[in-house]
Amino acid sequence: MHAPYTQLNLHCVWATWDRLPLITPEIQRAVYTAIMAKCKELNCEVVTIGGVSDHVHLLVRVHPTVAVSDLVKGVKGSSSHLVTHEIAPGEFFKWQGSYGAFSVDKRSVDIVRSCIDNQKLHHSQQDMEIDWEQAEEKIA
């Protein structure tokens, strides 16, 4: 093998400032597109992205040269910049400073993908928050 082979799957989650419902349907697609573009720029492959009005979930295959903190800083920064400078200048939009990041083994990728893809359904049914979402709130 001439090049390293890795399967570094990462599930990241972060919230809007004070968990305000800032990710409206009008801007959601653009926010997700900015996140995906930054991942591509960092040579990371987005498996899926989803969330609701106050937080985002990202399942991504991380390039081995990319630090988790650089990935999250990059996707949060680029998406926030897009909203505050192009989509809605002058309107309040901000991410919380904290985030959660969890490794996902290859056998669990489909399960995590399904959970992320069904965020709106989970939250509309008022399911209990997943432990790491609760932990993320405690960090903030």
N, C-alpha and C. Protein backbone atom coordinates (compact mmCIF):
# COMPACT_ATOMS: atom_id res chain seq x y z
N MET A 1 0.85 -1.17 0.00
CA MET A 1 0.00 0.00 0.00
C MET A 1 0.90 1.24 0.00
N HIS A 2 0.68 2.13 -0.96
CA HIS A 2 1.52 3.31 -1.11
C HIS A 2 1.01 4.51 -0.36
N ALA A 3 -0.25 4.51 0.00
CA ALA A 3 -0.84 5.65 0.72
C ALA A 3 -1.58 5.12 1.94
N PRO A 4 -1.67 5.93 2.96
CA PRO A 4 -2.38 5.47 4.15
C PRO A 4 -3.87 5.26 3.85
N TYR A 5 -4.42 4.29 4.50
CA TYR A 5 -5.85 4.01 4.39
C TYR A 5 -6.47 4.27 5.75
N THR A 6 -7.46 5.15 5.80
CA THR A 6 -8.12 5.45 7.07
C THR A 6 -9.62 5.44 6.87
N GLN A 7 -10.33 5.18 7.95
CA GLN A 7 -11.78 5.34 8.02
C GLN A 7 -12.05 6.07 9.32
N LEU A 8 -11.94 7.37 9.29
CA LEU A 8 -12.10 8.19 10.47
C LEU A 8 -13.46 8.89 10.39
N ASN A 9 -14.48 8.23 10.92
CA ASN A 9 -15.83 8.76 10.90
C ASN A 9 -16.08 9.54 12.18
N LEU A 10 -16.62 10.73 12.03
CA LEU A 10 -16.83 11.60 13.17
C LEU A 10 -18.23 12.18 13.13
N HIS A 11 -18.90 12.14 14.28
CA HIS A 11 -20.21 12.76 14.43
C HIS A 11 -20.02 14.02 15.27
N CYS A 12 -20.29 15.15 14.65
CA CYS A 12 -20.15 16.44 15.34
C CYS A 12 -21.53 17.04 15.54
N VAL A 13 -21.69 17.72 16.66
CA VAL A 13 -22.94 18.42 16.93
C VAL A 13 -22.61 19.72 17.63
N TRP A 14 -23.30 20.79 17.21
CA TRP A 14 -23.13 22.09 17.87
C TRP A 14 -24.43 22.85 17.76
N ALA A 15 -24.57 23.82 18.65
CA ALA A 15 -25.83 24.55 18.76
C ALA A 15 -25.67 26.02 18.41
N THR A 16 -26.80 26.64 18.17
CA THR A 16 -26.83 28.08 17.98
C THR A 16 -26.65 28.74 19.35
N TRP A 17 -26.35 30.03 19.31
CA TRP A 17 -26.16 30.80 20.53
C TRP A 17 -27.39 30.71 21.42
N ASP A 18 -27.20 30.29 22.67
CA ASP A 18 -28.29 30.13 23.64
C ASP A 18 -29.41 29.23 23.12
N ARG A 19 -29.09 28.39 22.16
CA ARG A 19 -30.05 27.47 21.53
C ARG A 19 -31.26 28.21 20.96
N LEU A 20 -30.99 29.41 20.47
CA LEU A 20 -32.04 30.17 19.80
C LEU A 20 -32.38 29.50 18.47
N PRO A 21 -33.62 29.58 18.02
CA PRO A 21 -34.02 28.94 16.75
C PRO A 21 -33.59 29.78 15.55
N LEU A 22 -32.29 29.84 15.31
CA LEU A 22 -31.73 30.72 14.29
C LEU A 22 -31.63 30.07 12.90
N ILE A 23 -31.69 28.73 12.86
CA ILE A 23 -31.57 28.05 11.57
C ILE A 23 -32.98 27.88 11.02
N THR A 24 -33.43 28.92 10.35
CA THR A 24 -34.79 28.93 9.80
C THR A 24 -34.82 28.12 8.51
N PRO A 25 -36.01 27.71 8.09
CA PRO A 25 -36.10 26.98 6.81
C PRO A 25 -35.55 27.79 5.64
N GLU A 26 -35.62 29.11 5.71
CA GLU A 26 -35.14 29.95 4.63
C GLU A 26 -33.61 29.90 4.47
N ILE A 27 -32.89 29.67 5.55
CA ILE A 27 -31.42 29.68 5.46
C ILE A 27 -30.79 28.30 5.65
N GLN A 28 -31.57 27.31 6.03
CA GLN A 28 -31.01 26.00 6.37
C GLN A 28 -30.19 25.41 5.23
N ARG A 29 -30.73 25.40 4.03
CA ARG A 29 -30.01 24.79 2.90
C ARG A 29 -28.67 25.50 2.66
N ALA A 30 -28.67 26.82 2.73
CA ALA A 30 -27.43 27.57 2.50
C ALA A 30 -26.41 27.30 3.60
N VAL A 31 -26.87 27.20 4.85
CA VAL A 31 -25.97 26.89 5.97
C VAL A 31 -25.35 25.52 5.76
N TYR A 32 -26.16 24.54 5.42
CA TYR A 32 -25.65 23.19 5.21
C TYR A 32 -24.71 23.14 4.01
N THR A 33 -25.03 23.88 2.97
CA THR A 33 -24.16 23.92 1.79
C THR A 33 -22.80 24.51 2.13
N ALA A 34 -22.78 25.56 2.95
CA ALA A 34 -21.51 26.16 3.38
C ALA A 34 -20.70 25.17 4.21
N ILE A 35 -21.35 24.43 5.07
CA ILE A 35 -20.67 23.42 5.88
C ILE A 35 -20.06 22.33 4.99
N MET A 36 -20.85 21.87 4.01
CA MET A 36 -20.36 20.84 3.10
C MET A 36 -19.19 21.34 2.26
N ALA A 37 -19.26 22.59 1.82
CA ALA A 37 -18.17 23.16 1.02
C ALA A 37 -16.88 23.25 1.83
N LYS A 38 -16.99 23.64 3.09
CA LYS A 38 -15.79 23.73 3.94
C LYS A 38 -15.21 22.34 4.18
N CYS A 39 -16.06 21.36 4.39
CA CYS A 39 -15.58 19.98 4.55
C CYS A 39 -14.81 19.54 3.31
N LYS A 40 -15.36 19.82 2.15
CA LYS A 40 -14.69 19.44 0.90
C LYS A 40 -13.34 20.15 0.79
N GLU A 41 -13.31 21.42 1.15
CA GLU A 41 -12.06 22.19 1.11
C GLU A 41 -11.00 21.56 2.02
N LEU A 42 -11.44 20.96 3.13
CA LEU A 42 -10.53 20.31 4.08
C LEU A 42 -10.28 18.85 3.75
N ASN A 43 -10.73 18.41 2.57
CA ASN A 43 -10.59 17.01 2.14
C ASN A 43 -11.33 16.03 3.04
N CYS A 44 -12.43 16.48 3.61
CA CYS A 44 -13.28 15.63 4.43
C CYS A 44 -14.57 15.35 3.66
N GLU A 45 -15.09 14.15 3.80
CA GLU A 45 -16.27 13.74 3.04
C GLU A 45 -17.50 13.74 3.94
N VAL A 46 -18.48 14.55 3.60
CA VAL A 46 -19.72 14.59 4.37
C VAL A 46 -20.53 13.34 4.06
N VAL A 47 -20.91 12.62 5.10
CA VAL A 47 -21.80 11.47 4.96
C VAL A 47 -23.24 11.97 4.99
N THR A 48 -23.55 12.80 5.98
CA THR A 48 -24.86 13.43 6.06
C THR A 48 -24.78 14.62 7.00
N ILE A 49 -25.75 15.49 6.86
CA ILE A 49 -25.87 16.66 7.72
C ILE A 49 -27.35 16.88 7.99
N GLY A 50 -27.66 17.28 9.20
CA GLY A 50 -29.06 17.52 9.55
C GLY A 50 -29.16 18.26 10.86
N GLY A 51 -30.36 18.45 11.28
CA GLY A 51 -30.57 19.16 12.53
C GLY A 51 -31.94 19.81 12.57
N VAL A 52 -32.10 20.70 13.49
CA VAL A 52 -33.33 21.47 13.64
C VAL A 52 -32.93 22.93 13.82
N SER A 53 -33.86 23.76 14.22
CA SER A 53 -33.64 25.20 14.24
C SER A 53 -32.56 25.67 15.21
N ASP A 54 -32.18 24.84 16.19
CA ASP A 54 -31.21 25.30 17.18
C ASP A 54 -29.93 24.48 17.26
N HIS A 55 -29.76 23.50 16.39
CA HIS A 55 -28.49 22.77 16.38
C HIS A 55 -28.30 21.99 15.08
N VAL A 56 -27.04 21.62 14.84
CA VAL A 56 -26.65 20.91 13.63
C VAL A 56 -25.91 19.63 14.01
N HIS A 57 -26.15 18.59 13.23
CA HIS A 57 -25.40 17.33 13.34
C HIS A 57 -24.66 17.14 12.02
N LEU A 58 -23.42 16.72 12.10
CA LEU A 58 -22.61 16.46 10.92
C LEU A 58 -21.93 15.11 11.09
N LEU A 59 -22.14 14.21 10.15
CA LEU A 59 -21.41 12.95 10.11
C LEU A 59 -20.46 13.05 8.93
N VAL A 60 -19.17 12.93 9.23
CA VAL A 60 -18.15 13.21 8.22
C VAL A 60 -17.01 12.22 8.34
N ARG A 61 -16.44 11.88 7.17
CA ARG A 61 -15.21 11.10 7.14
C ARG A 61 -14.06 12.10 7.10
N VAL A 62 -13.27 12.09 8.14
CA VAL A 62 -12.24 13.10 8.33
C VAL A 62 -10.93 12.67 7.69
N HIS A 63 -10.31 13.58 6.97
CA HIS A 63 -8.99 13.32 6.40
C HIS A 63 -8.00 13.21 7.56
N PRO A 64 -7.03 12.31 7.49
CA PRO A 64 -6.13 12.10 8.63
C PRO A 64 -5.25 13.30 8.99
N THR A 65 -5.16 14.28 8.10
CA THR A 65 -4.34 15.45 8.42
C THR A 65 -5.13 16.58 9.06
N VAL A 66 -6.43 16.38 9.24
CA VAL A 66 -7.30 17.44 9.75
C VAL A 66 -7.61 17.20 11.23
N ALA A 67 -7.30 18.17 12.05
CA ALA A 67 -7.65 18.09 13.48
C ALA A 67 -9.14 18.35 13.64
N VAL A 68 -9.74 17.67 14.60
CA VAL A 68 -11.17 17.84 14.87
C VAL A 68 -11.48 19.31 15.13
N SER A 69 -10.68 19.95 15.94
CA SER A 69 -10.93 21.36 16.27
C SER A 69 -10.87 22.25 15.02
N ASP A 70 -9.97 21.96 14.10
CA ASP A 70 -9.88 22.74 12.86
C ASP A 70 -11.09 22.50 11.97
N LEU A 71 -11.56 21.27 11.92
CA LEU A 71 -12.76 20.95 11.14
C LEU A 71 -13.96 21.73 11.66
N VAL A 72 -14.21 21.61 12.95
CA VAL A 72 -15.39 22.26 13.52
C VAL A 72 -15.28 23.78 13.45
N LYS A 73 -14.11 24.30 13.77
CA LYS A 73 -13.90 25.75 13.66
C LYS A 73 -14.17 26.22 12.24
N GLY A 74 -13.68 25.46 11.28
CA GLY A 74 -13.86 25.84 9.88
C GLY A 74 -15.31 25.82 9.42
N VAL A 75 -16.04 24.76 9.76
CA VAL A 75 -17.43 24.67 9.29
C VAL A 75 -18.33 25.67 10.02
N LYS A 76 -18.07 25.87 11.30
CA LYS A 76 -18.87 26.87 12.03
C LYS A 76 -18.55 28.27 11.52
N GLY A 77 -17.28 28.56 11.31
CA GLY A 77 -16.87 29.89 10.86
C GLY A 77 -17.39 30.22 9.47
N SER A 78 -17.25 29.28 8.54
CA SER A 78 -17.69 29.56 7.17
C SER A 78 -19.20 29.71 7.07
N SER A 79 -19.93 28.89 7.80
CA SER A 79 -21.39 28.99 7.75
C SER A 79 -21.89 30.25 8.43
N SER A 80 -21.28 30.62 9.54
CA SER A 80 -21.65 31.85 10.24
C SER A 80 -21.34 33.08 9.38
N HIS A 81 -20.18 33.06 8.75
CA HIS A 81 -19.79 34.18 7.87
C HIS A 81 -20.79 34.33 6.73
N LEU A 82 -21.20 33.21 6.15
CA LEU A 82 -22.17 33.26 5.05
C LEU A 82 -23.46 33.94 5.49
N VAL A 83 -23.98 33.52 6.65
CA VAL A 83 -25.24 34.09 7.12
C VAL A 83 -25.09 35.56 7.44
N THR A 84 -24.06 35.92 8.18
CA THR A 84 -23.94 37.31 8.66
C THR A 84 -23.46 38.30 7.59
N HIS A 85 -22.85 37.80 6.52
CA HIS A 85 -22.34 38.71 5.50
C HIS A 85 -23.08 38.65 4.17
N GLU A 86 -23.74 37.52 3.88
CA GLU A 86 -24.39 37.39 2.58
C GLU A 86 -25.89 37.15 2.66
N ILE A 87 -26.32 36.24 3.51
CA ILE A 87 -27.74 35.88 3.56
C ILE A 87 -28.56 36.89 4.34
N ALA A 88 -28.10 37.25 5.52
CA ALA A 88 -28.87 38.14 6.39
C ALA A 88 -27.97 39.13 7.12
N PRO A 89 -27.31 40.01 6.37
CA PRO A 89 -26.44 41.00 7.04
C PRO A 89 -27.24 41.84 8.02
N GLY A 90 -26.66 42.08 9.16
CA GLY A 90 -27.32 42.89 10.18
C GLY A 90 -28.24 42.12 11.11
N GLU A 91 -28.57 40.88 10.75
CA GLU A 91 -29.40 40.05 11.63
C GLU A 91 -28.49 39.20 12.51
N PHE A 92 -28.97 38.91 13.71
CA PHE A 92 -28.18 38.14 14.66
C PHE A 92 -28.10 36.68 14.24
N PHE A 93 -26.88 36.15 14.16
CA PHE A 93 -26.65 34.73 13.95
C PHE A 93 -25.30 34.40 14.55
N LYS A 94 -25.30 33.41 15.42
CA LYS A 94 -24.05 33.02 16.07
C LYS A 94 -24.16 31.58 16.57
N TRP A 95 -23.05 30.87 16.48
CA TRP A 95 -22.96 29.52 17.05
C TRP A 95 -22.45 29.62 18.47
N GLN A 96 -22.82 28.65 19.31
CA GLN A 96 -22.18 28.55 20.62
C GLN A 96 -20.72 28.18 20.41
N GLY A 97 -19.89 28.49 21.37
CA GLY A 97 -18.47 28.19 21.25
C GLY A 97 -18.14 26.72 21.37
N SER A 98 -18.98 25.97 22.03
CA SER A 98 -18.67 24.56 22.27
C SER A 98 -19.23 23.66 21.17
N TYR A 99 -18.83 22.41 21.22
CA TYR A 99 -19.34 21.41 20.29
C TYR A 99 -19.09 20.04 20.89
N GLY A 100 -19.74 19.05 20.34
CA GLY A 100 -19.48 17.66 20.69
C GLY A 100 -18.93 16.96 19.46
N ALA A 101 -18.01 16.04 19.66
CA ALA A 101 -17.44 15.27 18.55
C ALA A 101 -17.24 13.83 19.03
N PHE A 102 -17.75 12.90 18.26
CA PHE A 102 -17.76 11.50 18.68
C PHE A 102 -17.33 10.61 17.53
N SER A 103 -16.40 9.72 17.82
CA SER A 103 -15.96 8.78 16.78
C SER A 103 -17.06 7.76 16.53
N VAL A 104 -17.16 7.34 15.28
CA VAL A 104 -18.20 6.38 14.88
C VAL A 104 -17.51 5.26 14.13
N ASP A 105 -17.66 4.02 14.62
CA ASP A 105 -17.04 2.90 13.91
C ASP A 105 -17.85 2.59 12.66
N LYS A 106 -17.22 1.95 11.68
CA LYS A 106 -17.85 1.76 10.38
C LYS A 106 -19.15 0.96 10.46
N ARG A 107 -19.30 0.11 11.46
CA ARG A 107 -20.53 -0.66 11.61
C ARG A 107 -21.69 0.21 12.08
N SER A 108 -21.40 1.37 12.67
CA SER A 108 -22.45 2.24 13.20
C SER A 108 -22.78 3.43 12.31
N VAL A 109 -22.08 3.58 11.22
CA VAL A 109 -22.29 4.74 10.35
C VAL A 109 -23.74 4.83 9.89
N ASP A 110 -24.32 3.73 9.45
CA ASP A 110 -25.70 3.77 8.96
C ASP A 110 -26.70 4.13 10.06
N ILE A 111 -26.45 3.68 11.27
CA ILE A 111 -27.34 3.99 12.40
C ILE A 111 -27.26 5.48 12.71
N VAL A 112 -26.06 6.02 12.78
CA VAL A 112 -25.89 7.45 13.07
C VAL A 112 -26.46 8.28 11.94
N ARG A 113 -26.24 7.87 10.71
CA ARG A 113 -26.80 8.57 9.55
C ARG A 113 -28.31 8.64 9.65
N SER A 114 -28.93 7.54 9.99
CA SER A 114 -30.39 7.51 10.12
C SER A 114 -30.87 8.46 11.22
N CYS A 115 -30.18 8.47 12.35
CA CYS A 115 -30.55 9.38 13.44
C CYS A 115 -30.45 10.84 13.00
N ILE A 116 -29.40 11.17 12.29
CA ILE A 116 -29.20 12.54 11.82
C ILE A 116 -30.25 12.90 10.77
N ASP A 117 -30.49 11.99 9.84
CA ASP A 117 -31.47 12.26 8.78
C ASP A 117 -32.89 12.41 9.32
N ASN A 118 -33.14 11.88 10.50
CA ASN A 118 -34.49 11.93 11.08
C ASN A 118 -34.58 12.89 12.26
N GLN A 119 -33.72 13.87 12.34
CA GLN A 119 -33.72 14.83 13.45
C GLN A 119 -35.06 15.53 13.62
N LYS A 120 -35.63 16.00 12.53
CA LYS A 120 -36.89 16.74 12.63
C LYS A 120 -37.98 15.85 13.21
N LEU A 121 -38.03 14.61 12.80
CA LEU A 121 -39.02 13.67 13.32
C LEU A 121 -38.78 13.40 14.81
N HIS A 122 -37.53 13.14 15.18
CA HIS A 122 -37.21 12.88 16.59
C HIS A 122 -37.62 14.05 17.47
N HIS A 123 -37.30 15.25 17.04
CA HIS A 123 -37.60 16.42 17.86
C HIS A 123 -39.08 16.78 17.83
N SER A 124 -39.77 16.51 16.73
CA SER A 124 -41.20 16.81 16.67
C SER A 124 -41.99 15.88 17.57
N GLN A 125 -41.47 14.69 17.78
CA GLN A 125 -42.11 13.72 18.67
C GLN A 125 -41.69 13.92 20.11
N GLN A 126 -40.86 14.92 20.34
CA GLN A 126 -40.35 15.26 21.66
C GLN A 126 -39.70 14.07 22.34
N ASP A 127 -38.92 13.32 21.54
CA ASP A 127 -38.13 12.23 22.10
C ASP A 127 -37.16 12.81 23.12
N MET A 128 -36.74 12.00 24.06
CA MET A 128 -35.72 12.45 25.00
C MET A 128 -34.47 12.79 24.24
N GLU A 129 -33.79 13.85 24.67
CA GLU A 129 -32.54 14.21 24.02
C GLU A 129 -31.51 13.12 24.26
N ILE A 130 -30.71 12.91 23.26
CA ILE A 130 -29.65 11.92 23.36
C ILE A 130 -28.62 12.42 24.35
N ASP A 131 -27.97 11.51 25.07
CA ASP A 131 -27.03 11.88 26.13
C ASP A 131 -26.01 12.91 25.69
N TRP A 132 -25.44 12.77 24.49
CA TRP A 132 -24.41 13.71 24.09
C TRP A 132 -24.98 15.08 23.80
N GLU A 133 -26.27 15.19 23.43
CA GLU A 133 -26.87 16.51 23.27
C GLU A 133 -27.00 17.18 24.63
N GLN A 134 -27.37 16.40 25.63
CA GLN A 134 -27.46 16.95 26.98
C GLN A 134 -26.08 17.37 27.46
N ALA A 135 -25.07 16.56 27.18
CA ALA A 135 -23.71 16.89 27.59
C ALA A 135 -23.24 18.17 26.90
N GLU A 136 -23.61 18.34 25.63
CA GLU A 136 -23.20 19.53 24.88
C GLU A 136 -23.78 20.77 25.54
N GLU A 137 -25.01 20.70 26.01
CA GLU A 137 -25.62 21.86 26.67
C GLU A 137 -24.88 22.19 27.98
N LYS A 138 -24.43 21.17 28.69
CA LYS A 138 -23.72 21.39 29.95
C LYS A 138 -22.38 22.06 29.73
N ILE A 139 -21.75 21.76 28.57
CA ILE A 139 -20.44 22.34 28.26
C ILE A 139 -20.57 23.84 28.04
N ALA A 140 -21.65 24.23 27.38
CA ALA A 140 -21.83 25.64 26.96
C ALA A 140 -21.94 26.59 28.12
